[in-house]
């Protein structure tokens, strides 16, 4: 995914009201930009970080600029626009980055499915030997250091919706289809993904149950810069928090 036109940046002053952030531009003026991340953004938005933003060019928007990347004072890049995650995963599948998801002739997004009136992020069909594949995408940005390892945790706040999606995937597998959870890791420092037992124990237990019932779990990290974002490297998923 390329950023066209190129991103501009300013120094983060504050994020507030969930959907807004104030940044200081190089000339000293203050600009308010839209924050497309509805999560807690824990450890992702400290005052003094550099916020990189795109501009829509849509005169109807009250806040035409959208926060895309956060560059921490340690030099790490974080993709804060979670709306990009589905497209990143689809591009990675189409470019052959994910061997487990190769061979499907069709990819469709936002398809209704399940008993709980959900929409699957990506539905893969048309494989010569594999069942249809229901792919749920979750963006991982929370990074916490465990020992010397920068661990990515999901979720970053209690996620009843995430737990519901795990149960939907379990039902898909029970019906003979493939259910796959992909952690889209948009934090350049993260080297491993774990469920956040300390934040949402219910989600963690549901993930353990999903794995036991045949749901496949993948994690892929991204190369991020103001030029673009590419999902390009497999990362391990650890259930060490349950041990």
C-alpha atoms as a PDB file:
ATOM      1  CA  UNK A   1       0.000   0.000   0.000  1.00  0.00           C
ATOM      2  CA  UNK A   2       1.536   3.281  -1.148  1.00  0.00           C
ATOM      3  CA  UNK A   3       0.603   6.659   0.276  1.00  0.00           C
ATOM      4  CA  UNK A   4      -0.350   8.866  -2.659  1.00  0.00           C
ATOM      5  CA  UNK A   5       0.002  11.770  -2.282  1.00  0.00           C
ATOM      6  CA  UNK A   6       2.831  11.589   0.237  1.00  0.00           C
ATOM      7  CA  UNK A   7       2.048  11.906   3.927  1.00  0.00           C
ATOM      8  CA  UNK A   8       2.704  15.105   5.850  1.00  0.00           C
ATOM      9  CA  UNK A   9       3.564  15.204   9.541  1.00  0.00           C
ATOM     10  CA  UNK A  10       3.472  17.149  12.753  1.00  0.00           C
ATOM     11  CA  UNK A  11       4.308  16.602  16.404  1.00  0.00           C
ATOM     12  CA  UNK A  12       1.514  15.004  18.422  1.00  0.00           C
ATOM     13  CA  UNK A  13       0.068  17.242  21.121  1.00  0.00           C
ATOM     14  CA  UNK A  14      -2.871  15.082  22.220  1.00  0.00           C
ATOM     15  CA  UNK A  15      -5.477  12.564  21.125  1.00  0.00           C
ATOM     16  CA  UNK A  16      -8.952  13.227  22.508  1.00  0.00           C
ATOM     17  CA  UNK A  17     -12.644  12.389  22.062  1.00  0.00           C
ATOM     18  CA  UNK A  18     -11.400   9.119  20.477  1.00  0.00           C
ATOM     19  CA  UNK A  19     -11.655  10.488  16.925  1.00  0.00           C
ATOM     20  CA  UNK A  20      -9.540  13.660  17.110  1.00  0.00           C
ATOM     21  CA  UNK A  21      -5.876  14.516  17.535  1.00  0.00           C
ATOM     22  CA  UNK A  22      -4.068  17.838  17.705  1.00  0.00           C
ATOM     23  CA  UNK A  23      -0.630  18.112  16.116  1.00  0.00           C
ATOM     24  CA  UNK A  24       1.923  20.918  15.918  1.00  0.00           C
ATOM     25  CA  UNK A  25       3.079  21.683  12.373  1.00  0.00           C
ATOM     26  CA  UNK A  26       6.652  22.716  11.508  1.00  0.00           C
ATOM     27  CA  UNK A  27       5.593  26.386  11.311  1.00  0.00           C
ATOM     28  CA  UNK A  28       4.219  26.188  14.862  1.00  0.00           C
ATOM     29  CA  UNK A  29       0.524  26.195  14.007  1.00  0.00           C
ATOM     30  CA  UNK A  30      -1.891  23.721  15.563  1.00  0.00           C
ATOM     31  CA  UNK A  31      -3.880  21.348  13.304  1.00  0.00           C
ATOM     32  CA  UNK A  32      -6.710  19.004  14.268  1.00  0.00           C
ATOM     33  CA  UNK A  33      -6.789  15.713  12.354  1.00  0.00           C
ATOM     34  CA  UNK A  34      -9.180  12.769  12.302  1.00  0.00           C
ATOM     35  CA  UNK A  35      -8.140   9.670  14.274  1.00  0.00           C
ATOM     36  CA  UNK A  36      -9.596   6.550  12.575  1.00  0.00           C
ATOM     37  CA  UNK A  37      -8.660   4.225  15.445  1.00  0.00           C
ATOM     38  CA  UNK A  38     -11.517   3.476  17.857  1.00  0.00           C
ATOM     39  CA  UNK A  39      -9.358   1.416  20.244  1.00  0.00           C
ATOM     40  CA  UNK A  40      -7.466   2.512  23.307  1.00  0.00           C
ATOM     41  CA  UNK A  41      -4.237   3.103  21.298  1.00  0.00           C
ATOM     42  CA  UNK A  42      -2.353   2.081  24.428  1.00  0.00           C
ATOM     43  CA  UNK A  43       1.388   2.813  24.089  1.00  0.00           C
ATOM     44  CA  UNK A  44       0.751   4.160  20.565  1.00  0.00           C
ATOM     45  CA  UNK A  45       0.198   7.876  20.992  1.00  0.00           C
ATOM     46  CA  UNK A  46       2.485   9.742  23.361  1.00  0.00           C
ATOM     47  CA  UNK A  47       2.723  13.535  23.201  1.00  0.00           C
ATOM     48  CA  UNK A  48       5.921  14.390  21.343  1.00  0.00           C
ATOM     49  CA  UNK A  49       5.609  11.518  18.854  1.00  0.00           C
ATOM     50  CA  UNK A  50       5.477  12.359  15.145  1.00  0.00           C
ATOM     51  CA  UNK A  51       2.025  11.904  13.580  1.00  0.00           C
ATOM     52  CA  UNK A  52       1.955  11.254   9.828  1.00  0.00           C
ATOM     53  CA  UNK A  53      -1.313  12.086   8.089  1.00  0.00           C
ATOM     54  CA  UNK A  54      -3.019  11.874   4.692  1.00  0.00           C
ATOM     55  CA  UNK A  55      -5.281  14.533   3.193  1.00  0.00           C
ATOM     56  CA  UNK A  56      -8.535  13.511   1.525  1.00  0.00           C
ATOM     57  CA  UNK A  57      -9.122  16.597  -0.586  1.00  0.00           C
ATOM     58  CA  UNK A  58     -12.840  16.234   0.218  1.00  0.00           C
ATOM     59  CA  UNK A  59     -14.193  19.739   1.005  1.00  0.00           C
ATOM     60  CA  UNK A  60     -17.246  18.214   2.714  1.00  0.00           C
ATOM     61  CA  UNK A  61     -15.151  16.737   5.518  1.00  0.00           C
ATOM     62  CA  UNK A  62     -14.881  18.833   8.670  1.00  0.00           C
ATOM     63  CA  UNK A  63     -11.448  17.302   9.318  1.00  0.00           C
ATOM     64  CA  UNK A  64      -9.984  16.381   5.902  1.00  0.00           C
ATOM     65  CA  UNK A  65      -6.713  15.027   7.306  1.00  0.00           C
ATOM     66  CA  UNK A  66      -6.477  11.430   8.575  1.00  0.00           C
ATOM     67  CA  UNK A  67      -3.854  10.112  10.986  1.00  0.00           C
ATOM     68  CA  UNK A  68      -2.128   7.170   9.270  1.00  0.00           C
ATOM     69  CA  UNK A  69       1.151   6.458  11.084  1.00  0.00           C
ATOM     70  CA  UNK A  70       2.637   7.301  14.445  1.00  0.00           C
ATOM     71  CA  UNK A  71       6.406   7.523  14.733  1.00  0.00           C
ATOM     72  CA  UNK A  72       7.481   7.070  18.346  1.00  0.00           C
ATOM     73  CA  UNK A  73      10.328   8.985  19.918  1.00  0.00           C
ATOM     74  CA  UNK A  74      12.246   5.676  19.885  1.00  0.00           C
ATOM     75  CA  UNK A  75      11.920   5.557  16.081  1.00  0.00           C
ATOM     76  CA  UNK A  76       9.270   2.840  15.771  1.00  0.00           C
ATOM     77  CA  UNK A  77       6.434   3.186  13.252  1.00  0.00           C
ATOM     78  CA  UNK A  78       2.849   2.244  14.109  1.00  0.00           C
ATOM     79  CA  UNK A  79      -0.055   1.991  11.672  1.00  0.00           C
ATOM     80  CA  UNK A  80      -2.831   3.671  13.628  1.00  0.00           C
ATOM     81  CA  UNK A  81      -5.398   3.572  10.805  1.00  0.00           C
ATOM     82  CA  UNK A  82      -6.983   0.187  11.533  1.00  0.00           C
ATOM     83  CA  UNK A  83      -9.205   0.580   8.464  1.00  0.00           C
ATOM     84  CA  UNK A  84      -6.141  -0.283   6.372  1.00  0.00           C
ATOM     85  CA  UNK A  85      -5.718  -3.767   7.886  1.00  0.00           C
ATOM     86  CA  UNK A  86      -8.159  -5.676   5.639  1.00  0.00           C
ATOM     87  CA  UNK A  87      -6.606  -4.230   2.490  1.00  0.00           C
ATOM     88  CA  UNK A  88      -3.098  -5.037   3.703  1.00  0.00           C
ATOM     89  CA  UNK A  89      -4.031  -8.666   4.366  1.00  0.00           C
ATOM     90  CA  UNK A  90      -5.817  -9.004   1.033  1.00  0.00           C
ATOM     91  CA  UNK A  91      -2.798  -7.583  -0.802  1.00  0.00           C
ATOM     92  CA  UNK A  92      -0.501  -9.992   1.046  1.00  0.00           C
ATOM     93  CA  UNK A  93      -2.700 -12.958   0.054  1.00  0.00           C
ATOM     94  CA  UNK A  94      -2.828 -11.844  -3.585  1.00  0.00           C
ATOM     95  CA  UNK A  95       0.955 -11.350  -3.667  1.00  0.00           C
ATOM     96  CA  UNK A  96       1.633 -14.837  -2.275  1.00  0.00           C
ATOM     97  CA  UNK A  97       3.026 -13.671   1.061  1.00  0.00           C
ATOM     98  CA  UNK A  98       0.818 -16.083   3.060  1.00  0.00           C
ATOM     99  CA  UNK A  99       1.454 -19.681   1.907  1.00  0.00           C
ATOM    100  CA  UNK A 100      -1.419 -21.055   4.020  1.00  0.00           C
ATOM    101  CA  UNK A 101      -3.900 -18.980   2.003  1.00  0.00           C
ATOM    102  CA  UNK A 102      -2.642 -19.620  -1.522  1.00  0.00           C
ATOM    103  CA  UNK A 103      -4.701 -21.182  -4.312  1.00  0.00           C
ATOM    104  CA  UNK A 104      -8.051 -19.430  -3.977  1.00  0.00           C
ATOM    105  CA  UNK A 105      -9.417 -17.870  -7.168  1.00  0.00           C
ATOM    106  CA  UNK A 106     -11.749 -15.350  -5.486  1.00  0.00           C
ATOM    107  CA  UNK A 107     -11.492 -12.966  -2.535  1.00  0.00           C
ATOM    108  CA  UNK A 108     -14.521 -11.007  -1.355  1.00  0.00           C
ATOM    109  CA  UNK A 109     -14.760  -8.593   1.555  1.00  0.00           C
ATOM    110  CA  UNK A 110     -17.444  -7.894   4.140  1.00  0.00           C
ATOM    111  CA  UNK A 111     -19.583 -10.973   3.398  1.00  0.00           C
ATOM    112  CA  UNK A 112     -22.463 -11.734   5.779  1.00  0.00           C
ATOM    113  CA  UNK A 113     -22.156 -15.032   7.624  1.00  0.00           C
ATOM    114  CA  UNK A 114     -22.800 -16.816  10.896  1.00  0.00           C
ATOM    115  CA  UNK A 115     -25.601 -17.075  13.416  1.00  0.00           C
ATOM    116  CA  UNK A 116     -24.740 -13.751  15.071  1.00  0.00           C
ATOM    117  CA  UNK A 117     -25.260 -11.593  11.956  1.00  0.00           C
ATOM    118  CA  UNK A 118     -21.550 -10.945  11.439  1.00  0.00           C
ATOM    119  CA  UNK A 119     -19.559  -9.918   8.375  1.00  0.00           C
ATOM    120  CA  UNK A 120     -16.382 -11.789   7.588  1.00  0.00           C
ATOM    121  CA  UNK A 121     -13.482  -9.521   6.641  1.00  0.00           C
ATOM    122  CA  UNK A 122     -12.381 -11.727   3.722  1.00  0.00           C
ATOM    123  CA  UNK A 123     -14.003 -14.788   2.144  1.00  0.00           C
ATOM    124  CA  UNK A 124     -11.721 -16.937  -0.014  1.00  0.00           C
ATOM    125  CA  UNK A 125     -13.367 -19.342  -2.466  1.00  0.00           C
ATOM    126  CA  UNK A 126     -12.545 -21.346  -5.560  1.00  0.00           C
ATOM    127  CA  UNK A 127      -9.697 -23.557  -4.324  1.00  0.00           C
ATOM    128  CA  UNK A 128      -9.165 -26.826  -6.192  1.00  0.00           C
ATOM    129  CA  UNK A 129      -8.701 -28.899  -3.033  1.00  0.00           C
ATOM    130  CA  UNK A 130      -9.388 -26.723   0.024  1.00  0.00           C
ATOM    131  CA  UNK A 131     -12.688 -25.715   1.588  1.00  0.00           C
ATOM    132  CA  UNK A 132     -13.864 -22.118   1.466  1.00  0.00           C
ATOM    133  CA  UNK A 133     -11.875 -19.976   3.884  1.00  0.00           C
ATOM    134  CA  UNK A 134     -13.314 -17.354   6.248  1.00  0.00           C
ATOM    135  CA  UNK A 135     -10.624 -14.862   7.283  1.00  0.00           C
ATOM    136  CA  UNK A 136     -11.041 -12.543  10.246  1.00  0.00           C
ATOM    137  CA  UNK A 137      -8.449  -9.723  10.437  1.00  0.00           C
ATOM    138  CA  UNK A 138      -7.341  -8.057  13.662  1.00  0.00           C
ATOM    139  CA  UNK A 139      -4.927  -5.130  13.789  1.00  0.00           C
ATOM    140  CA  UNK A 140      -2.205  -5.418  16.456  1.00  0.00           C
ATOM    141  CA  UNK A 141      -0.492  -2.232  17.665  1.00  0.00           C
ATOM    142  CA  UNK A 142      -0.044  -2.684  21.418  1.00  0.00           C
ATOM    143  CA  UNK A 143       3.618  -3.403  22.143  1.00  0.00           C
ATOM    144  CA  UNK A 144       4.893  -4.326  25.613  1.00  0.00           C
ATOM    145  CA  UNK A 145       8.392  -5.546  26.434  1.00  0.00           C
ATOM    146  CA  UNK A 146       8.566  -8.975  28.093  1.00  0.00           C
ATOM    147  CA  UNK A 147      12.143  -9.651  29.130  1.00  0.00           C
ATOM    148  CA  UNK A 148      14.019  -8.453  26.060  1.00  0.00           C
ATOM    149  CA  UNK A 149      11.201  -9.327  23.645  1.00  0.00           C
ATOM    150  CA  UNK A 150       8.853  -6.655  22.234  1.00  0.00           C
ATOM    151  CA  UNK A 151       5.527  -8.527  22.315  1.00  0.00           C
ATOM    152  CA  UNK A 152       2.416  -7.501  20.419  1.00  0.00           C
ATOM    153  CA  UNK A 153      -0.782  -8.004  22.398  1.00  0.00           C
ATOM    154  CA  UNK A 154      -4.382  -8.259  21.207  1.00  0.00           C
ATOM    155  CA  UNK A 155      -6.774  -6.836  22.191  1.00  0.00           C
ATOM    156  CA  UNK A 156      -5.637  -3.516  23.681  1.00  0.00           C
ATOM    157  CA  UNK A 157      -8.954  -3.182  25.534  1.00  0.00           C
ATOM    158  CA  UNK A 158     -11.808  -5.572  26.338  1.00  0.00           C
ATOM    159  CA  UNK A 159     -13.210  -6.800  23.005  1.00  0.00           C
ATOM    160  CA  UNK A 160     -16.584  -8.512  23.187  1.00  0.00           C
ATOM    161  CA  UNK A 161     -16.780  -8.139  19.406  1.00  0.00           C
ATOM    162  CA  UNK A 162     -13.470  -9.973  19.005  1.00  0.00           C
ATOM    163  CA  UNK A 163     -14.703 -12.818  21.205  1.00  0.00           C
ATOM    164  CA  UNK A 164     -17.906 -13.044  19.149  1.00  0.00           C
ATOM    165  CA  UNK A 165     -15.854 -13.348  15.970  1.00  0.00           C
ATOM    166  CA  UNK A 166     -13.856 -16.238  17.443  1.00  0.00           C
ATOM    167  CA  UNK A 167     -17.068 -18.126  18.169  1.00  0.00           C
ATOM    168  CA  UNK A 168     -18.280 -17.445  14.623  1.00  0.00           C
ATOM    169  CA  UNK A 169     -15.024 -18.902  13.254  1.00  0.00           C
ATOM    170  CA  UNK A 170     -15.420 -21.982  15.454  1.00  0.00           C
ATOM    171  CA  UNK A 171     -18.893 -22.507  14.000  1.00  0.00           C
ATOM    172  CA  UNK A 172     -17.498 -22.198  10.459  1.00  0.00           C
ATOM    173  CA  UNK A 173     -14.907 -24.907  11.178  1.00  0.00           C
ATOM    174  CA  UNK A 174     -17.561 -27.163  12.714  1.00  0.00           C
ATOM    175  CA  UNK A 175     -19.455 -26.906   9.406  1.00  0.00           C
ATOM    176  CA  UNK A 176     -16.456 -28.140   7.429  1.00  0.00           C
ATOM    177  CA  UNK A 177     -15.068 -24.801   6.216  1.00  0.00           C
ATOM    178  CA  UNK A 178     -11.782 -23.130   7.124  1.00  0.00           C
ATOM    179  CA  UNK A 179     -11.760 -20.431   9.779  1.00  0.00           C
ATOM    180  CA  UNK A 180      -8.611 -18.289   9.919  1.00  0.00           C
ATOM    181  CA  UNK A 181      -7.689 -15.445  12.251  1.00  0.00           C
ATOM    182  CA  UNK A 182      -4.956 -13.153  10.892  1.00  0.00           C
ATOM    183  CA  UNK A 183      -3.208 -10.761  13.247  1.00  0.00           C
ATOM    184  CA  UNK A 184      -2.121  -7.819  11.090  1.00  0.00           C
ATOM    185  CA  UNK A 185       0.800  -6.432  13.086  1.00  0.00           C
ATOM    186  CA  UNK A 186       1.246  -2.736  12.356  1.00  0.00           C
ATOM    187  CA  UNK A 187       4.091  -1.942  14.763  1.00  0.00           C
ATOM    188  CA  UNK A 188       7.670  -2.114  13.536  1.00  0.00           C
ATOM    189  CA  UNK A 189       9.109  -3.243  16.895  1.00  0.00           C
ATOM    190  CA  UNK A 190       6.857  -6.274  17.498  1.00  0.00           C
ATOM    191  CA  UNK A 191       8.487  -9.686  16.985  1.00  0.00           C
ATOM    192  CA  UNK A 192       5.837 -11.976  18.528  1.00  0.00           C
ATOM    193  CA  UNK A 193       2.059 -11.896  19.117  1.00  0.00           C
ATOM    194  CA  UNK A 194       0.210 -13.042  22.225  1.00  0.00           C
ATOM    195  CA  UNK A 195      -3.390 -12.785  23.428  1.00  0.00           C
ATOM    196  CA  UNK A 196      -3.709 -10.076  26.086  1.00  0.00           C
ATOM    197  CA  UNK A 197      -4.678 -12.171  29.104  1.00  0.00           C
ATOM    198  CA  UNK A 198      -3.967  -9.213  31.412  1.00  0.00           C
ATOM    199  CA  UNK A 199      -6.442  -7.041  29.476  1.00  0.00           C
ATOM    200  CA  UNK A 200      -9.162  -9.436  28.277  1.00  0.00           C
ATOM    201  CA  UNK A 201      -9.074 -12.924  29.837  1.00  0.00           C
ATOM    202  CA  UNK A 202     -12.382 -13.859  28.177  1.00  0.00           C
ATOM    203  CA  UNK A 203     -10.931 -13.237  24.704  1.00  0.00           C
ATOM    204  CA  UNK A 204      -7.785 -15.160  25.619  1.00  0.00           C
ATOM    205  CA  UNK A 205      -9.744 -18.216  26.738  1.00  0.00           C
ATOM    206  CA  UNK A 206     -11.886 -18.024  23.589  1.00  0.00           C
ATOM    207  CA  UNK A 207      -8.730 -17.954  21.449  1.00  0.00           C
ATOM    208  CA  UNK A 208      -7.368 -21.026  23.206  1.00  0.00           C
ATOM    209  CA  UNK A 209     -10.674 -22.816  22.598  1.00  0.00           C
ATOM    210  CA  UNK A 210     -10.712 -21.731  18.962  1.00  0.00           C
ATOM    211  CA  UNK A 211      -7.239 -23.167  18.399  1.00  0.00           C
ATOM    212  CA  UNK A 212      -8.324 -26.448  19.997  1.00  0.00           C
ATOM    213  CA  UNK A 213     -11.338 -26.594  17.665  1.00  0.00           C
ATOM    214  CA  UNK A 214      -9.370 -26.091  14.477  1.00  0.00           C
ATOM    215  CA  UNK A 215      -9.361 -22.344  13.875  1.00  0.00           C
ATOM    216  CA  UNK A 216      -6.065 -21.401  12.212  1.00  0.00           C
ATOM    217  CA  UNK A 217      -4.177 -18.411  13.605  1.00  0.00           C
ATOM    218  CA  UNK A 218      -1.575 -16.471  11.631  1.00  0.00           C
ATOM    219  CA  UNK A 219       0.386 -13.311  12.400  1.00  0.00           C
ATOM    220  CA  UNK A 220       2.170 -11.137   9.863  1.00  0.00           C
ATOM    221  CA  UNK A 221       4.276  -8.063  10.513  1.00  0.00           C
ATOM    222  CA  UNK A 222       4.548  -4.995   8.332  1.00  0.00           C
ATOM    223  CA  UNK A 223       7.272  -2.785   7.001  1.00  0.00           C
ATOM    224  CA  UNK A 224       6.002   0.741   7.660  1.00  0.00           C
ATOM    225  CA  UNK A 225       7.231   4.130   6.490  1.00  0.00           C
ATOM    226  CA  UNK A 226       5.747   7.451   5.350  1.00  0.00           C
ATOM    227  CA  UNK A 227       6.043   6.052   1.801  1.00  0.00           C
ATOM    228  CA  UNK A 228       3.746   3.078   2.428  1.00  0.00           C
ATOM    229  CA  UNK A 229       2.970  -0.099   4.359  1.00  0.00           C
ATOM    230  CA  UNK A 230       3.656  -3.680   3.265  1.00  0.00           C
ATOM    231  CA  UNK A 231       2.651  -6.809   5.157  1.00  0.00           C
ATOM    232  CA  UNK A 232       5.662  -9.022   4.488  1.00  0.00           C
ATOM    233  CA  UNK A 233       6.876 -11.211   7.361  1.00  0.00           C
ATOM    234  CA  UNK A 234       5.388 -14.103   9.332  1.00  0.00           C
ATOM    235  CA  UNK A 235       5.536 -13.730  13.123  1.00  0.00           C
ATOM    236  CA  UNK A 236       5.057 -16.394  15.810  1.00  0.00           C
ATOM    237  CA  UNK A 237       1.870 -16.537  17.868  1.00  0.00           C
ATOM    238  CA  UNK A 238       2.486 -17.613  21.460  1.00  0.00           C
ATOM    239  CA  UNK A 239       0.000 -18.784  24.052  1.00  0.00           C
ATOM    240  CA  UNK A 240       2.631 -18.401  26.767  1.00  0.00           C
ATOM    241  CA  UNK A 241       0.322 -16.176  28.802  1.00  0.00           C
ATOM    242  CA  UNK A 242      -1.796 -19.255  29.575  1.00  0.00           C
ATOM    243  CA  UNK A 243       1.119 -21.373  30.793  1.00  0.00           C
END
